[in-house]
Amino acid sequence: QVQLVESGGGSVETGGSLRLSCAASGFTYSTRCAGWFRQAPGKEREGVAAIWSGGDSPVYADSVKGRFSIFQDNAKNILYLQMNSLKPDDTAMYYCAAVGPWRCGNWWSEVSTYVNWGLGTQVTVSS
């Protein structure tokens, strides 16, 4: 059974940091693109970051470049999102996604290109 479980969300003040994790079972992240998405109330789900461990560099949304970092622990089969310098606009439900496009490519931020999703973890940033 393929399963993704997110953790690490919570409440933090502006400028603070959080590290999200997504533990996987039933597959390995390294075979396909995997990433993080977020969705705020009344807004569309948007891609935050994605990674493929085969050699390509991670990709990020412009809004989080320089602040967020995505990485994988292949031995433990866990996907992480390190979030620094958090802003109120980062407040959203964060979801991990796996079994995405081959080598991420130009479709990494498209929801429809990922097969497996976690249930989400809430991140709230106060001013």
N, C-alpha and C. Protein backbone atom coordinates (compact mmCIF):
# COMPACT_ATOMS: atom_id res chain seq x y z
N GLN A 1 0.84 -1.19 0.00
CA GLN A 1 0.00 0.00 0.00
C GLN A 1 0.89 1.25 0.00
N VAL A 2 0.71 2.11 -0.98
CA VAL A 2 1.44 3.37 -1.06
C VAL A 2 0.84 4.36 -0.07
N GLN A 3 1.70 4.97 0.74
CA GLN A 3 1.23 5.90 1.76
C GLN A 3 2.23 7.03 1.97
N LEU A 4 1.72 8.26 2.14
CA LEU A 4 2.53 9.42 2.45
C LEU A 4 1.94 10.08 3.69
N VAL A 5 2.79 10.36 4.69
CA VAL A 5 2.34 10.97 5.94
C VAL A 5 3.19 12.18 6.25
N GLU A 6 2.57 13.38 6.24
CA GLU A 6 3.27 14.62 6.54
C GLU A 6 3.29 14.89 8.04
N SER A 7 4.32 15.61 8.48
CA SER A 7 4.41 16.07 9.85
C SER A 7 5.31 17.30 9.90
N GLY A 8 5.31 18.00 11.03
CA GLY A 8 6.18 19.14 11.22
C GLY A 8 5.51 20.49 11.11
N GLY A 9 4.25 20.53 10.76
CA GLY A 9 3.54 21.79 10.69
C GLY A 9 3.27 22.36 12.06
N GLY A 10 2.83 23.62 12.09
CA GLY A 10 2.54 24.27 13.35
C GLY A 10 2.43 25.77 13.17
N SER A 11 2.46 26.48 14.28
CA SER A 11 2.37 27.94 14.28
C SER A 11 3.72 28.55 14.61
N VAL A 12 4.07 29.60 13.88
CA VAL A 12 5.35 30.27 14.07
C VAL A 12 5.19 31.75 13.76
N GLU A 13 6.03 32.58 14.35
CA GLU A 13 6.00 34.01 14.08
C GLU A 13 6.76 34.33 12.79
N THR A 14 6.46 35.48 12.23
CA THR A 14 7.17 35.94 11.04
C THR A 14 8.68 35.90 11.27
N GLY A 15 9.40 35.33 10.29
CA GLY A 15 10.84 35.20 10.39
C GLY A 15 11.31 33.89 10.97
N GLY A 16 10.39 33.09 11.47
CA GLY A 16 10.73 31.82 12.07
C GLY A 16 10.94 30.73 11.03
N SER A 17 11.21 29.52 11.52
CA SER A 17 11.50 28.38 10.66
C SER A 17 10.71 27.15 11.07
N LEU A 18 10.43 26.32 10.09
CA LEU A 18 9.82 25.02 10.31
C LEU A 18 10.42 24.03 9.33
N ARG A 19 10.46 22.77 9.72
CA ARG A 19 10.87 21.71 8.82
C ARG A 19 9.75 20.69 8.70
N LEU A 20 9.24 20.54 7.50
CA LEU A 20 8.21 19.56 7.23
C LEU A 20 8.85 18.26 6.76
N SER A 21 8.24 17.15 7.11
CA SER A 21 8.71 15.86 6.65
C SER A 21 7.56 15.05 6.10
N CYS A 22 7.88 14.16 5.19
CA CYS A 22 6.88 13.29 4.58
C CYS A 22 7.46 11.89 4.48
N ALA A 23 6.99 11.00 5.33
CA ALA A 23 7.46 9.63 5.34
C ALA A 23 6.67 8.80 4.34
N ALA A 24 7.38 8.03 3.55
CA ALA A 24 6.76 7.25 2.49
C ALA A 24 6.89 5.75 2.75
N SER A 25 5.89 5.03 2.31
CA SER A 25 5.93 3.57 2.34
C SER A 25 5.31 3.04 1.06
N GLY A 26 5.78 1.89 0.63
CA GLY A 26 5.24 1.28 -0.57
C GLY A 26 5.92 1.69 -1.86
N PHE A 27 6.87 2.61 -1.80
CA PHE A 27 7.63 3.06 -2.97
C PHE A 27 8.85 3.82 -2.49
N THR A 28 9.72 4.17 -3.41
CA THR A 28 10.89 4.98 -3.10
C THR A 28 10.81 6.30 -3.85
N TYR A 29 11.14 7.40 -3.17
CA TYR A 29 11.06 8.72 -3.78
C TYR A 29 11.96 8.87 -5.00
N SER A 30 13.11 8.25 -4.98
CA SER A 30 14.15 8.52 -5.96
C SER A 30 13.80 8.14 -7.39
N THR A 31 12.80 7.31 -7.59
CA THR A 31 12.49 6.85 -8.94
C THR A 31 11.78 7.90 -9.80
N ARG A 32 11.09 8.83 -9.18
CA ARG A 32 10.32 9.85 -9.89
C ARG A 32 10.39 11.18 -9.14
N CYS A 33 9.90 12.22 -9.78
CA CYS A 33 9.84 13.53 -9.16
C CYS A 33 8.90 13.51 -7.94
N ALA A 34 9.30 14.19 -6.87
CA ALA A 34 8.47 14.34 -5.69
C ALA A 34 8.52 15.80 -5.24
N GLY A 35 7.46 16.27 -4.59
CA GLY A 35 7.45 17.68 -4.24
C GLY A 35 6.50 18.04 -3.13
N TRP A 36 6.46 19.35 -2.87
CA TRP A 36 5.58 19.93 -1.87
C TRP A 36 4.68 20.96 -2.54
N PHE A 37 3.41 20.92 -2.17
CA PHE A 37 2.41 21.88 -2.62
C PHE A 37 1.77 22.53 -1.40
N ARG A 38 1.09 23.65 -1.62
CA ARG A 38 0.37 24.28 -0.53
C ARG A 38 -0.92 24.90 -1.05
N GLN A 39 -1.88 25.02 -0.14
CA GLN A 39 -3.17 25.59 -0.51
C GLN A 39 -3.72 26.40 0.67
N ALA A 40 -3.94 27.68 0.42
CA ALA A 40 -4.55 28.56 1.40
C ALA A 40 -6.05 28.64 1.14
N PRO A 41 -6.85 29.00 2.15
CA PRO A 41 -8.30 29.10 1.95
C PRO A 41 -8.66 30.03 0.79
N GLY A 42 -9.52 29.56 -0.10
CA GLY A 42 -9.95 30.36 -1.22
C GLY A 42 -8.97 30.46 -2.37
N LYS A 43 -7.86 29.74 -2.31
CA LYS A 43 -6.85 29.80 -3.35
C LYS A 43 -6.62 28.43 -3.97
N GLU A 44 -6.00 28.43 -5.14
CA GLU A 44 -5.66 27.19 -5.82
C GLU A 44 -4.45 26.53 -5.15
N ARG A 45 -4.37 25.21 -5.27
CA ARG A 45 -3.20 24.51 -4.80
C ARG A 45 -2.02 24.83 -5.72
N GLU A 46 -0.89 25.22 -5.13
CA GLU A 46 0.25 25.65 -5.91
C GLU A 46 1.51 24.86 -5.55
N GLY A 47 2.36 24.66 -6.53
CA GLY A 47 3.62 23.98 -6.31
C GLY A 47 4.59 24.86 -5.55
N VAL A 48 5.28 24.29 -4.58
CA VAL A 48 6.26 25.01 -3.77
C VAL A 48 7.68 24.62 -4.17
N ALA A 49 7.94 23.32 -4.23
CA ALA A 49 9.27 22.83 -4.56
C ALA A 49 9.17 21.38 -5.01
N ALA A 50 10.15 20.93 -5.78
CA ALA A 50 10.18 19.55 -6.24
C ALA A 50 11.62 19.09 -6.43
N ILE A 51 11.81 17.77 -6.39
CA ILE A 51 13.15 17.21 -6.49
C ILE A 51 13.11 15.82 -7.10
N TRP A 52 14.17 15.50 -7.85
CA TRP A 52 14.43 14.16 -8.35
C TRP A 52 15.89 13.86 -8.05
N SER A 53 16.16 12.76 -7.38
CA SER A 53 17.50 12.47 -6.87
C SER A 53 18.45 11.89 -7.91
N GLY A 54 18.01 11.77 -9.16
CA GLY A 54 18.84 11.19 -10.19
C GLY A 54 19.96 12.09 -10.70
N GLY A 55 20.01 13.34 -10.26
CA GLY A 55 21.09 14.22 -10.66
C GLY A 55 20.70 15.65 -10.98
N ASP A 56 19.43 15.90 -11.23
CA ASP A 56 18.98 17.25 -11.52
C ASP A 56 18.84 18.07 -10.24
N SER A 57 18.93 19.39 -10.37
CA SER A 57 18.80 20.28 -9.23
C SER A 57 17.34 20.44 -8.84
N PRO A 58 17.07 20.71 -7.55
CA PRO A 58 15.70 20.98 -7.13
C PRO A 58 15.14 22.23 -7.81
N VAL A 59 13.81 22.31 -7.87
CA VAL A 59 13.16 23.47 -8.44
C VAL A 59 12.24 24.09 -7.40
N TYR A 60 12.05 25.41 -7.48
CA TYR A 60 11.28 26.15 -6.49
C TYR A 60 10.38 27.18 -7.15
N ALA A 61 9.26 27.44 -6.50
CA ALA A 61 8.44 28.57 -6.89
C ALA A 61 9.20 29.86 -6.60
N ASP A 62 8.98 30.89 -7.43
CA ASP A 62 9.68 32.15 -7.24
C ASP A 62 9.44 32.75 -5.85
N SER A 63 8.26 32.51 -5.30
CA SER A 63 7.89 33.11 -4.03
C SER A 63 8.67 32.55 -2.84
N VAL A 64 9.33 31.39 -3.01
CA VAL A 64 10.03 30.77 -1.89
C VAL A 64 11.52 30.61 -2.14
N LYS A 65 12.01 30.98 -3.31
CA LYS A 65 13.44 30.85 -3.61
C LYS A 65 14.28 31.64 -2.61
N GLY A 66 15.33 30.99 -2.13
CA GLY A 66 16.20 31.62 -1.16
C GLY A 66 15.75 31.45 0.27
N ARG A 67 14.52 30.96 0.48
CA ARG A 67 13.99 30.77 1.83
C ARG A 67 13.71 29.31 2.15
N PHE A 68 13.25 28.56 1.15
CA PHE A 68 12.89 27.15 1.35
C PHE A 68 13.92 26.25 0.70
N SER A 69 14.04 25.03 1.22
CA SER A 69 14.94 24.04 0.67
C SER A 69 14.29 22.67 0.73
N ILE A 70 14.28 21.94 -0.38
CA ILE A 70 13.72 20.60 -0.43
C ILE A 70 14.86 19.59 -0.54
N PHE A 71 14.76 18.50 0.19
CA PHE A 71 15.77 17.46 0.11
C PHE A 71 15.19 16.13 0.56
N GLN A 72 15.90 15.05 0.22
CA GLN A 72 15.45 13.70 0.51
C GLN A 72 16.49 12.95 1.33
N ASP A 73 16.02 12.09 2.21
CA ASP A 73 16.85 11.11 2.89
C ASP A 73 16.48 9.77 2.28
N ASN A 74 17.26 9.32 1.32
CA ASN A 74 16.91 8.10 0.60
C ASN A 74 16.99 6.85 1.48
N ALA A 75 17.89 6.85 2.46
CA ALA A 75 18.03 5.70 3.35
C ALA A 75 16.77 5.50 4.18
N LYS A 76 16.18 6.60 4.65
CA LYS A 76 14.97 6.53 5.46
C LYS A 76 13.69 6.71 4.65
N ASN A 77 13.85 7.06 3.38
CA ASN A 77 12.71 7.28 2.48
C ASN A 77 11.79 8.39 3.01
N ILE A 78 12.40 9.54 3.33
CA ILE A 78 11.67 10.70 3.84
C ILE A 78 11.97 11.91 2.97
N LEU A 79 10.94 12.66 2.64
CA LEU A 79 11.06 13.91 1.91
C LEU A 79 10.89 15.07 2.89
N TYR A 80 11.76 16.07 2.79
CA TYR A 80 11.75 17.21 3.71
C TYR A 80 11.53 18.52 2.97
N LEU A 81 10.99 19.49 3.69
CA LEU A 81 10.93 20.87 3.24
C LEU A 81 11.36 21.76 4.40
N GLN A 82 12.55 22.35 4.28
CA GLN A 82 13.04 23.29 5.28
C GLN A 82 12.55 24.68 4.90
N MET A 83 11.83 25.33 5.80
CA MET A 83 11.24 26.64 5.54
C MET A 83 11.84 27.65 6.51
N ASN A 84 12.53 28.64 5.98
CA ASN A 84 13.14 29.70 6.77
C ASN A 84 12.54 31.05 6.39
N SER A 85 12.75 32.04 7.24
CA SER A 85 12.26 33.40 6.99
C SER A 85 10.78 33.39 6.60
N LEU A 86 9.99 32.69 7.38
CA LEU A 86 8.58 32.53 7.05
C LEU A 86 7.81 33.84 7.13
N LYS A 87 6.83 33.97 6.24
CA LYS A 87 5.98 35.14 6.14
C LYS A 87 4.53 34.74 6.34
N PRO A 88 3.67 35.69 6.71
CA PRO A 88 2.24 35.37 6.81
C PRO A 88 1.65 34.79 5.53
N ASP A 89 2.17 35.21 4.37
CA ASP A 89 1.69 34.68 3.09
C ASP A 89 2.02 33.20 2.89
N ASP A 90 2.90 32.65 3.71
CA ASP A 90 3.21 31.23 3.64
C ASP A 90 2.17 30.37 4.36
N THR A 91 1.26 30.99 5.07
CA THR A 91 0.22 30.26 5.78
C THR A 91 -0.64 29.46 4.81
N ALA A 92 -0.71 28.15 5.03
CA ALA A 92 -1.45 27.27 4.13
C ALA A 92 -1.40 25.85 4.67
N MET A 93 -2.19 24.99 4.05
CA MET A 93 -2.05 23.55 4.26
C MET A 93 -1.00 23.07 3.26
N TYR A 94 0.00 22.37 3.76
CA TYR A 94 1.08 21.88 2.93
C TYR A 94 0.93 20.38 2.69
N TYR A 95 1.07 19.98 1.43
CA TYR A 95 0.91 18.59 1.02
C TYR A 95 2.17 18.10 0.33
N CYS A 96 2.55 16.87 0.61
CA CYS A 96 3.62 16.25 -0.16
C CYS A 96 3.01 15.41 -1.27
N ALA A 97 3.71 15.33 -2.37
CA ALA A 97 3.25 14.60 -3.54
C ALA A 97 4.39 13.77 -4.10
N ALA A 98 4.06 12.58 -4.59
CA ALA A 98 5.08 11.68 -5.09
C ALA A 98 4.62 10.98 -6.36
N VAL A 99 5.55 10.29 -6.97
CA VAL A 99 5.35 9.60 -8.24
C VAL A 99 4.87 10.63 -9.27
N GLY A 100 5.67 11.66 -9.45
CA GLY A 100 5.37 12.72 -10.37
C GLY A 100 6.06 12.55 -11.71
N PRO A 101 6.32 13.66 -12.41
CA PRO A 101 6.93 13.58 -13.73
C PRO A 101 8.32 12.99 -13.71
N TRP A 102 8.76 12.50 -14.86
CA TRP A 102 10.11 12.02 -15.03
C TRP A 102 11.07 13.20 -14.94
N ARG A 103 11.97 13.18 -13.99
CA ARG A 103 12.99 14.21 -13.79
C ARG A 103 12.38 15.60 -13.55
N CYS A 104 11.14 15.63 -13.04
CA CYS A 104 10.42 16.87 -12.75
C CYS A 104 10.13 17.69 -14.00
N GLY A 105 11.15 18.17 -14.67
CA GLY A 105 10.98 18.88 -15.92
C GLY A 105 10.15 20.14 -15.77
N ASN A 106 9.43 20.50 -16.84
CA ASN A 106 8.62 21.71 -16.85
C ASN A 106 7.24 21.53 -16.24
N TRP A 107 6.91 20.31 -15.82
CA TRP A 107 5.58 20.03 -15.31
C TRP A 107 5.58 19.75 -13.82
N TRP A 108 6.63 20.11 -13.13
CA TRP A 108 6.77 19.78 -11.71
C TRP A 108 5.70 20.41 -10.84
N SER A 109 5.16 21.57 -11.23
CA SER A 109 4.19 22.29 -10.43
C SER A 109 2.74 21.98 -10.78
N GLU A 110 2.52 21.01 -11.66
CA GLU A 110 1.17 20.64 -12.07
C GLU A 110 0.64 19.53 -11.16
N VAL A 111 -0.46 19.80 -10.49
CA VAL A 111 -1.06 18.85 -9.56
C VAL A 111 -1.38 17.53 -10.24
N SER A 112 -1.87 17.60 -11.47
CA SER A 112 -2.34 16.42 -12.18
C SER A 112 -1.24 15.45 -12.56
N THR A 113 0.02 15.85 -12.47
CA THR A 113 1.13 14.99 -12.87
C THR A 113 1.64 14.11 -11.73
N TYR A 114 1.09 14.23 -10.53
CA TYR A 114 1.49 13.42 -9.39
C TYR A 114 0.43 12.38 -9.07
N VAL A 115 0.86 11.18 -8.74
CA VAL A 115 -0.06 10.08 -8.50
C VAL A 115 -0.46 9.97 -7.03
N ASN A 116 0.49 10.16 -6.11
CA ASN A 116 0.24 9.94 -4.69
C ASN A 116 0.36 11.23 -3.88
N TRP A 117 -0.54 11.39 -2.92
CA TRP A 117 -0.60 12.59 -2.09
C TRP A 117 -0.79 12.26 -0.62
N GLY A 118 -0.18 13.07 0.24
CA GLY A 118 -0.45 12.97 1.66
C GLY A 118 -1.70 13.76 2.01
N LEU A 119 -2.10 13.69 3.27
CA LEU A 119 -3.32 14.37 3.72
C LEU A 119 -3.09 15.81 4.14
N GLY A 120 -1.84 16.23 4.29
CA GLY A 120 -1.52 17.62 4.56
C GLY A 120 -1.15 17.90 6.00
N THR A 121 -0.41 18.99 6.19
CA THR A 121 -0.06 19.49 7.51
C THR A 121 -0.17 21.01 7.49
N GLN A 122 -0.78 21.58 8.51
CA GLN A 122 -1.07 23.01 8.53
C GLN A 122 0.13 23.82 9.00
N VAL A 123 0.42 24.90 8.27
CA VAL A 123 1.46 25.86 8.64
C VAL A 123 0.80 27.22 8.79
N THR A 124 0.97 27.84 9.95
CA THR A 124 0.40 29.15 10.22
C THR A 124 1.50 30.10 10.67
N VAL A 125 1.63 31.23 9.98
CA VAL A 125 2.66 32.21 10.28
C VAL A 125 1.98 33.51 10.70
N SER A 126 2.24 33.96 11.91
CA SER A 126 1.64 35.17 12.44
C SER A 126 2.59 36.34 12.31
N SER A 127 2.02 37.54 12.24
CA SER A 127 2.82 38.75 12.10
C SER A 127 3.29 39.25 13.45
